[in-house]
Amino acid sequence: MMRDFYHPYVGMMNQIEGRRNMMGFWAEGRFTWMDEPAWVKHLGYLEDTLVTDCRVENESFGLSLVVNDTVHYRHNVFLRRVVIRNLRPEARRLKVFFANDFNIDESDIGDTALFDPDLRAIYHYKRKRCLIIDGRTGPGAAKGKGRGISEFSTGRKRFAGAEGTWRDAEDGRLEGHPISQGSVDSAIAFEMDLPAGGEEALYYWIAVGVGFDSAQAVHRVVLSAGPERLINETATFWRSWVEKEDRKLGCLPGPLASFFKRSVLVARTQIDDRGGILAANDSDILRHNRDHYSYVWARDGAMVAYALDLAGYHALTSRFFRFCERALSRGGFLWHKYHPDGSVGS
């Protein structure tokens, strides 16, 4: 389940705002969402990377999953690989659903969700922000080939009595409504035949751009390079990044050295490329305070920058210092806190 999705800055704007973008499954006349208690989850990362390694199982439904999520280190695309294993001793026909619930630029007013019949992908857009949602399964899926979206629908959410298109998935069939405007969401489905005890990989991605052309260009990168290659090269990038500084970790016990590298990687997830070091990027506090911690506090950022300097990441911290330089007021002081784009925060 994905609840926070930021573009164009780390920490700004949150295109989901804590809503549930879920996976669901249909087989033998039964449906289950992956946030239900029957799913047992073990969450982690692939070693020395920012690629998740989530092991999930629903014994009563007869499925186990390995889910690897990442954001490409260079292209504006979220990538997900789901390896689905059939725990039953007989072959099964399975439908996999993705519920897509976005508040573009942190508002549900004036959003559009549509199905493009030529691209056979879902668009969510408003003004200059465009997200293209697609995926593949079956032979060739790893290379961007294979079978694409088998069913889709769009509709209203949380308005005029409508809960959302995700409800449409629970009978195992999407109605195919091609376009909706306003407070909207979408759902897509993929079909697969799993042999007894067998498994199959499914790839899902969200390409993001400023306008249609930009998002379509990112989508074409995924189709031409293949999602598997993009996931693997992102893992390789982060392994190289976390090892590139000349540090003497040999004196540390193995678990402590791994914890050091994981700490540096997690810190990196809260740092925007333009310099802002964010306090915390999540939407939980919105339920209680109608604000969040996705701000740059100069004091807190300086403490993180100091630790990163000691770790040898000087190129990263120099961006933070330049951010602070740009943020200085005419009176020579820094305000309480800032948004990642440098504007003064609440």
Protein backbone atom coordinates (compact mmCIF):
# COMPACT_ATOMS: atom_id res chain seq x y z
CA MET A 1 0.00 0.00 0.00
CA MET A 2 1.33 3.44 -0.96
CA ARG A 3 0.21 6.49 1.05
CA ASP A 4 2.67 9.26 0.14
CA PHE A 5 3.95 10.23 -3.30
CA TYR A 6 5.86 13.48 -3.79
CA HIS A 7 6.51 15.48 -6.96
CA PRO A 8 8.23 17.72 -7.99
CA TYR A 9 10.19 18.07 -4.70
CA VAL A 10 10.99 15.58 -1.97
CA GLY A 11 8.35 16.59 0.58
CA MET A 12 6.32 18.77 -1.83
CA MET A 13 3.70 18.25 -3.32
CA ASN A 14 2.17 15.10 -1.81
CA GLN A 15 0.08 13.65 -4.64
CA ILE A 16 -1.65 11.07 -2.38
CA GLU A 17 -1.88 12.78 1.03
CA GLY A 18 -2.19 9.59 3.04
CA ARG A 19 -4.94 7.94 0.99
CA ARG A 20 -4.71 4.20 0.37
CA ASN A 21 -3.34 3.18 -3.01
CA MET A 22 -3.89 -0.54 -2.61
CA MET A 23 -3.37 -3.89 -4.30
CA GLY A 24 -6.21 -6.39 -4.39
CA PHE A 25 -6.63 -9.98 -5.58
CA TRP A 26 -9.52 -12.01 -7.01
CA ALA A 27 -9.57 -15.79 -7.37
CA GLU A 28 -12.22 -18.52 -7.07
CA GLY A 29 -14.95 -15.93 -6.50
CA ARG A 30 -13.17 -14.31 -3.54
CA PHE A 31 -11.61 -10.86 -3.21
CA THR A 32 -9.04 -9.51 -0.76
CA TRP A 33 -7.27 -6.16 -0.32
CA MET A 34 -3.68 -6.36 0.84
CA ASP A 35 -4.33 -4.12 3.85
CA GLU A 36 -6.62 -6.74 5.43
CA PRO A 37 -5.42 -8.47 8.64
CA ALA A 38 -5.05 -11.86 6.93
CA TRP A 39 -1.98 -10.56 5.08
CA VAL A 40 1.19 -11.08 7.13
CA LYS A 41 3.86 -8.57 6.13
CA HIS A 42 7.61 -8.40 6.68
CA LEU A 43 8.99 -5.08 5.45
CA GLY A 44 12.58 -4.23 4.58
CA TYR A 45 15.01 -3.17 1.89
CA LEU A 46 17.30 -5.07 -0.44
CA GLU A 47 20.73 -4.81 1.15
CA ASP A 48 22.48 -1.43 0.68
CA THR A 49 19.75 -0.08 -1.64
CA LEU A 50 16.61 2.03 -1.69
CA VAL A 51 14.66 -0.84 -3.26
CA THR A 52 12.15 -2.31 -0.83
CA ASP A 53 12.05 -6.02 -0.03
CA CYS A 54 8.58 -6.80 1.31
CA ARG A 55 7.54 -10.40 1.99
CA VAL A 56 3.77 -10.78 2.22
CA GLU A 57 1.59 -13.87 2.65
CA ASN A 58 -2.10 -14.67 2.97
CA GLU A 59 -2.31 -18.34 3.86
CA SER A 60 -6.09 -18.52 3.68
CA PHE A 61 -6.09 -17.00 0.18
CA GLY A 62 -3.18 -19.17 -0.92
CA LEU A 63 -0.78 -16.45 -2.08
CA SER A 64 2.64 -15.18 -1.12
CA LEU A 65 4.28 -12.10 -2.60
CA VAL A 66 7.69 -10.50 -2.87
CA VAL A 67 7.21 -6.77 -3.52
CA ASN A 68 10.10 -4.54 -4.63
CA ASP A 69 9.34 -0.81 -4.90
CA THR A 70 11.71 1.96 -5.90
CA VAL A 71 11.93 5.37 -7.52
CA HIS A 72 14.41 5.45 -10.38
CA TYR A 73 17.53 7.40 -9.48
CA ARG A 74 17.37 9.50 -12.66
CA HIS A 75 13.95 9.24 -14.31
CA ASN A 76 10.72 10.42 -12.66
CA VAL A 77 9.12 7.01 -12.36
CA PHE A 78 7.93 4.83 -9.49
CA LEU A 79 8.54 1.13 -10.21
CA ARG A 80 7.07 -1.94 -8.55
CA ARG A 81 7.89 -5.60 -9.13
CA VAL A 82 5.51 -8.14 -7.58
CA VAL A 83 6.44 -11.82 -7.69
CA ILE A 84 3.25 -13.74 -6.92
CA ARG A 85 3.44 -17.37 -5.79
CA ASN A 86 0.51 -19.78 -5.77
CA LEU A 87 0.53 -21.72 -2.49
CA ARG A 88 -2.20 -24.09 -3.65
CA PRO A 89 -1.62 -27.56 -5.19
CA GLU A 90 -3.78 -26.67 -8.20
CA ALA A 91 -3.53 -24.14 -11.03
CA ARG A 92 -5.44 -20.87 -10.58
CA ARG A 93 -6.67 -17.91 -12.62
CA LEU A 94 -5.83 -14.72 -10.71
CA LYS A 95 -6.75 -11.06 -11.16
CA VAL A 96 -4.53 -8.43 -9.57
CA PHE A 97 -6.04 -4.99 -8.98
CA PHE A 98 -4.39 -1.63 -8.30
CA ALA A 99 -6.45 1.21 -6.83
CA ASN A 100 -5.07 4.62 -7.83
CA ASP A 101 -6.19 7.45 -5.55
CA PHE A 102 -4.42 10.76 -6.18
CA ASN A 103 -5.04 14.31 -5.03
CA ILE A 104 -3.06 16.12 -7.70
CA ASP A 105 -1.05 18.96 -6.16
CA GLU A 106 -2.70 18.28 -2.79
CA SER A 107 -6.28 18.93 -3.90
CA ASP A 108 -9.08 16.76 -5.27
CA ILE A 109 -10.66 19.72 -7.09
CA GLY A 110 -10.47 19.61 -10.87
CA ASP A 111 -8.58 16.32 -11.25
CA THR A 112 -9.03 14.13 -14.33
CA ALA A 113 -8.62 10.36 -14.61
CA LEU A 114 -8.84 8.82 -18.08
CA PHE A 115 -7.99 5.65 -19.95
CA ASP A 116 -5.95 6.17 -23.13
CA PRO A 117 -7.06 3.42 -25.58
CA ASP A 118 -3.99 3.88 -27.78
CA LEU A 119 -1.45 3.67 -24.98
CA ARG A 120 -3.74 1.39 -22.93
CA ALA A 121 -2.70 3.24 -19.79
CA ILE A 122 -4.40 5.39 -17.17
CA TYR A 123 -3.71 9.12 -16.90
CA HIS A 124 -4.25 11.24 -13.79
CA TYR A 125 -3.63 14.93 -14.43
CA LYS A 126 -4.34 18.50 -13.47
CA ARG A 127 -2.81 21.65 -14.92
CA LYS A 128 0.85 20.79 -15.64
CA ARG A 129 1.06 17.67 -13.44
CA CYS A 130 0.58 14.37 -15.29
CA LEU A 131 0.87 10.78 -14.04
CA ILE A 132 0.73 7.78 -16.37
CA ILE A 133 -0.05 4.42 -14.74
CA ASP A 134 0.70 1.17 -16.54
CA GLY A 135 2.10 -2.31 -16.04
CA ARG A 136 2.97 -5.64 -17.59
CA THR A 137 2.81 -9.33 -16.75
CA GLY A 138 3.43 -12.59 -18.56
CA PRO A 139 6.30 -13.48 -20.93
CA GLY A 140 8.38 -10.42 -21.77
CA ALA A 141 7.01 -8.29 -18.92
CA ALA A 142 10.48 -7.65 -17.49
CA LYS A 143 11.45 -6.00 -20.79
CA GLY A 144 8.29 -3.90 -21.08
CA LYS A 145 6.49 -6.41 -23.32
CA GLY A 146 3.97 -9.02 -22.22
CA ARG A 147 0.35 -8.44 -21.29
CA GLY A 148 -0.84 -5.02 -20.18
CA ILE A 149 -3.93 -3.77 -18.38
CA SER A 150 -6.84 -6.19 -18.85
CA GLU A 151 -9.57 -4.11 -17.14
CA PHE A 152 -9.92 -0.53 -15.99
CA SER A 153 -12.37 2.02 -14.67
CA THR A 154 -12.45 5.60 -13.41
CA GLY A 155 -14.98 7.32 -11.19
CA ARG A 156 -15.81 9.71 -8.38
CA LYS A 157 -14.39 9.34 -4.88
CA ARG A 158 -15.49 10.68 -1.48
CA PHE A 159 -18.11 12.95 -3.08
CA ALA A 160 -21.87 12.80 -3.62
CA GLY A 161 -22.09 9.41 -1.93
CA ALA A 162 -19.36 7.77 -4.01
CA GLU A 163 -16.65 5.93 -2.06
CA GLY A 164 -14.33 5.39 -5.00
CA THR A 165 -13.63 3.16 -7.97
CA TRP A 166 -11.79 0.73 -5.71
CA ARG A 167 -15.21 -0.54 -4.62
CA ASP A 168 -15.86 -1.55 -8.23
CA ALA A 169 -12.99 -4.05 -7.99
CA GLU A 170 -14.50 -6.06 -5.16
CA ASP A 171 -16.82 -8.06 -7.40
CA GLY A 172 -13.83 -9.09 -9.51
CA ARG A 173 -14.75 -6.99 -12.53
CA LEU A 174 -14.12 -3.35 -13.49
CA GLU A 175 -16.81 -1.58 -15.49
CA GLY A 176 -14.55 0.23 -17.96
CA HIS A 177 -15.70 3.82 -17.40
CA PRO A 178 -13.06 5.70 -19.44
CA ILE A 179 -12.98 9.23 -17.99
CA SER A 180 -13.98 11.14 -14.84
CA GLN A 181 -13.42 14.72 -13.68
CA GLY A 182 -13.44 16.33 -10.24
CA SER A 183 -12.69 14.27 -7.15
CA VAL A 184 -11.73 11.08 -8.96
CA ASP A 185 -9.80 7.84 -8.73
CA SER A 186 -9.15 4.84 -10.96
CA ALA A 187 -8.56 1.10 -10.78
CA ILE A 188 -6.79 -1.28 -13.14
CA ALA A 189 -6.50 -5.06 -13.30
CA PHE A 190 -4.07 -7.64 -14.68
CA GLU A 191 -4.79 -11.32 -15.28
CA MET A 192 -2.47 -14.28 -14.85
CA ASP A 193 -2.62 -18.07 -14.80
CA LEU A 194 -0.57 -19.50 -11.95
CA PRO A 195 0.43 -23.17 -12.09
CA ALA A 196 0.22 -25.27 -8.94
CA GLY A 197 2.95 -24.00 -6.62
CA GLY A 198 4.18 -21.70 -9.39
CA GLU A 199 4.86 -17.99 -9.58
CA GLU A 200 4.73 -15.07 -11.99
CA ALA A 201 6.12 -11.53 -11.93
CA LEU A 202 3.98 -8.44 -12.44
CA TYR A 203 5.38 -4.94 -13.04
CA TYR A 204 3.53 -1.72 -12.24
CA TRP A 205 4.77 1.82 -12.70
CA ILE A 206 3.80 5.47 -12.43
CA ALA A 207 5.56 7.82 -14.86
CA VAL A 208 5.41 11.48 -13.80
CA GLY A 209 5.98 14.62 -15.83
CA VAL A 210 5.26 18.29 -16.20
CA GLY A 211 2.64 17.99 -18.93
CA PHE A 212 1.66 15.08 -21.16
CA ASP A 213 4.80 15.10 -23.32
CA SER A 214 7.11 14.87 -20.34
CA ALA A 215 5.18 12.02 -18.70
CA GLN A 216 4.89 10.14 -22.00
CA ALA A 217 8.65 10.42 -22.52
CA VAL A 218 9.25 8.79 -19.12
CA HIS A 219 6.68 6.10 -19.91
CA ARG A 220 8.50 5.33 -23.17
CA VAL A 221 11.75 4.90 -21.23
CA VAL A 222 10.12 2.17 -19.14
CA LEU A 223 8.72 0.40 -22.20
CA SER A 224 11.99 0.56 -24.14
CA ALA A 225 14.44 -0.24 -21.32
CA GLY A 226 12.10 -2.58 -19.46
CA PRO A 227 11.07 -2.20 -15.81
CA GLU A 228 13.38 -4.98 -14.60
CA ARG A 229 16.45 -3.23 -15.96
CA LEU A 230 15.40 0.09 -14.40
CA ILE A 231 14.87 -1.54 -11.00
CA ASN A 232 18.22 -3.34 -11.17
CA GLU A 233 20.19 -0.29 -12.26
CA THR A 234 18.60 1.73 -9.45
CA ALA A 235 19.70 -0.92 -6.94
CA THR A 236 23.21 -0.83 -8.43
CA PHE A 237 23.27 2.97 -8.23
CA TRP A 238 22.47 3.01 -4.50
CA ARG A 239 24.95 0.24 -3.71
CA SER A 240 27.63 2.28 -5.44
CA TRP A 241 26.50 5.52 -3.77
CA VAL A 242 26.58 4.13 -0.24
CA GLU A 243 30.03 2.60 -0.82
CA LYS A 244 31.69 5.37 -2.82
CA GLU A 245 33.24 7.28 0.09
CA ASP A 246 36.52 6.00 1.51
CA ARG A 247 35.34 4.96 4.96
CA LYS A 248 37.01 2.56 7.35
CA LEU A 249 34.11 0.34 8.36
CA GLY A 250 36.18 -2.81 8.70
CA CYS A 251 36.62 -2.20 12.42
CA LEU A 252 32.86 -2.37 12.95
CA PRO A 253 30.91 -5.61 13.43
CA GLY A 254 29.03 -6.55 10.27
CA PRO A 255 25.54 -5.69 11.59
CA LEU A 256 26.73 -2.29 12.79
CA ALA A 257 28.35 -1.49 9.44
CA SER A 258 25.11 -2.48 7.68
CA PHE A 259 23.12 -0.30 10.07
CA PHE A 260 25.42 2.64 9.33
CA LYS A 261 24.83 2.28 5.58
CA ARG A 262 21.08 1.84 6.03
CA SER A 263 20.99 5.02 8.14
CA VAL A 264 22.75 7.03 5.44
CA LEU A 265 20.37 5.69 2.78
CA VAL A 266 17.25 6.44 4.82
CA ALA A 267 18.54 9.96 5.49
CA ARG A 268 18.97 10.39 1.74
CA THR A 269 15.26 9.69 1.17
CA GLN A 270 14.46 12.88 3.11
CA ILE A 271 16.80 15.14 1.10
CA ASP A 272 15.76 16.95 -2.07
CA ASP A 273 18.27 17.24 -4.91
CA ARG A 274 17.98 21.03 -4.70
CA GLY A 275 19.29 21.07 -1.15
CA GLY A 276 16.38 20.89 1.27
CA ILE A 277 16.84 18.45 4.18
CA LEU A 278 13.32 17.59 5.34
CA ALA A 279 12.34 16.75 8.90
CA ALA A 280 9.95 13.90 8.05
CA ASN A 281 7.92 13.06 4.97
CA ASP A 282 4.67 11.40 5.90
CA SER A 283 1.05 12.42 6.16
CA ASP A 284 -0.01 10.82 9.47
CA ILE A 285 0.07 14.12 11.37
CA LEU A 286 -2.46 15.62 8.92
CA ARG A 287 -5.19 13.71 10.77
CA HIS A 288 -4.54 15.68 13.95
CA ASN A 289 -2.90 18.99 13.06
CA ARG A 290 -3.73 19.83 9.41
CA ASP A 291 -0.03 20.39 8.84
CA HIS A 292 2.98 18.11 8.47
CA TYR A 293 6.73 17.84 9.00
CA SER A 294 7.75 18.11 5.35
CA TYR A 295 9.65 21.31 6.04
CA VAL A 296 13.28 22.36 6.15
CA TRP A 297 14.31 23.56 9.61
CA ALA A 298 17.77 25.11 9.24
CA ARG A 299 18.79 23.91 12.71
CA ASP A 300 17.68 20.31 12.17
CA GLY A 301 19.04 20.26 8.64
CA ALA A 302 22.41 21.50 9.91
CA MET A 303 22.60 18.60 12.36
CA VAL A 304 21.90 16.10 9.57
CA ALA A 305 24.37 17.87 7.27
CA TYR A 306 27.05 17.70 9.97
CA ALA A 307 26.58 13.93 10.29
CA LEU A 308 26.68 13.52 6.52
CA ASP A 309 29.84 15.63 6.34
CA LEU A 310 31.46 13.30 8.86
CA ALA A 311 30.34 10.39 6.66
CA GLY A 312 32.00 12.01 3.65
CA TYR A 313 28.95 13.16 1.65
CA HIS A 314 30.20 16.70 1.06
CA ALA A 315 28.59 17.13 -2.37
CA LEU A 316 25.20 16.40 -0.80
CA THR A 317 25.62 18.78 2.12
CA SER A 318 26.94 21.61 -0.05
CA ARG A 319 23.51 21.76 -1.71
CA PHE A 320 21.95 22.26 1.72
CA PHE A 321 24.31 25.15 2.48
CA ARG A 322 23.43 26.76 -0.84
CA PHE A 323 19.74 26.25 -0.02
CA CYS A 324 20.25 28.15 3.24
CA GLU A 325 22.17 30.88 1.44
CA ARG A 326 19.28 31.39 -0.97
CA ALA A 327 16.80 31.37 1.93
CA LEU A 328 18.55 34.09 3.97
CA SER A 329 16.31 37.07 4.62
CA ARG A 330 17.39 40.62 3.87
CA GLY A 331 18.00 41.02 7.59
CA GLY A 332 20.58 38.23 7.48
CA PHE A 333 18.59 35.61 9.39
CA LEU A 334 16.72 32.43 8.52
CA TRP A 335 13.01 32.07 9.14
CA HIS A 336 11.60 29.33 11.36
CA LYS A 337 11.21 26.80 8.55
CA TYR A 338 10.91 26.52 4.77
CA HIS A 339 9.19 24.50 2.10
CA PRO A 340 11.49 22.41 -0.13
CA ASP A 341 11.18 25.05 -2.88
CA GLY A 342 12.66 27.68 -0.56
CA SER A 343 9.44 29.53 0.31
CA VAL A 344 8.79 30.31 3.97
CA GLY A 345 6.89 27.59 5.84
CA SER A 346 4.07 27.82 8.36
